[in-house]
C-alpha cells in the first residue's frame, strides 16, 4: 500500500503541490494586513528557497547520460533532498505572500507529506540503481534536516553546472509570485472602491 501511495505521489507531485498554492491565490479569508511584514518575510523565505534550488542545481548532473553514483556534493552533502526543501520554502514563502499566515503551517505539512511519499519511491529506485553506494549515502546524510556536526566532505564536483545557467533555468520559479502580486493589487483596488 505504501508503495502504491508513493508511486501516485511521485507521478502527481506537481498537481498535488499546486492544490494548496492555488488555494493561496483564490482565498481571501483570514488575510493579515501587515503588508510590510508579509512582503519582507515572504520574499525572504521565498528567496532562500530559490537560492537553495539554484545551489542544488549547480551540483546535480541533471540529464547527464552517464551517472556513476548519487550526487553527494554541495547541499547534497548535508541533506538528500535539497531541491524539495527549496520547493517547500518557496511555497511557504508564497503562502506568506498571500497574507494567509494561518495557512503557512498547513502548506508546509502538506508539502512534507507529499514529498515524503515521493522520496520513498525515489530512494527505492536509487538504491536499486546504485546499490551499496547509495545505501551508504542514505546512512550518512539525513533526508530533511542536516545532522549536527556530520555531513559528507564537500568535495569538488567535476560535473558542476555553471551558476549563471542554473539561475536562468530557475527564473521560472519567480512566476509563482505573479498571481500573488495580482491578488494583492485586486485586494487593494477592492478596498479603495469599497
Foldseek 3Di string as FASTA:
>chain_A
DLLVLLVVLQVCVVVLLVVVLVVLLPDDPPFDPPQVVLVVVLVVLLVVLLVLLLQVQQQALPPDPDDQADGCAGCNQFAVCSNLVSVLSNSLSSSSLSRNPVCSVVSNVSSCVSVVSNVVNVLVVRCVVNPPRSVVSPVQYHHHGGDPPGTDPNDDRPSGDDSVVSSVVSVVSVVSCVSSVVSVVVVVVVVVVD
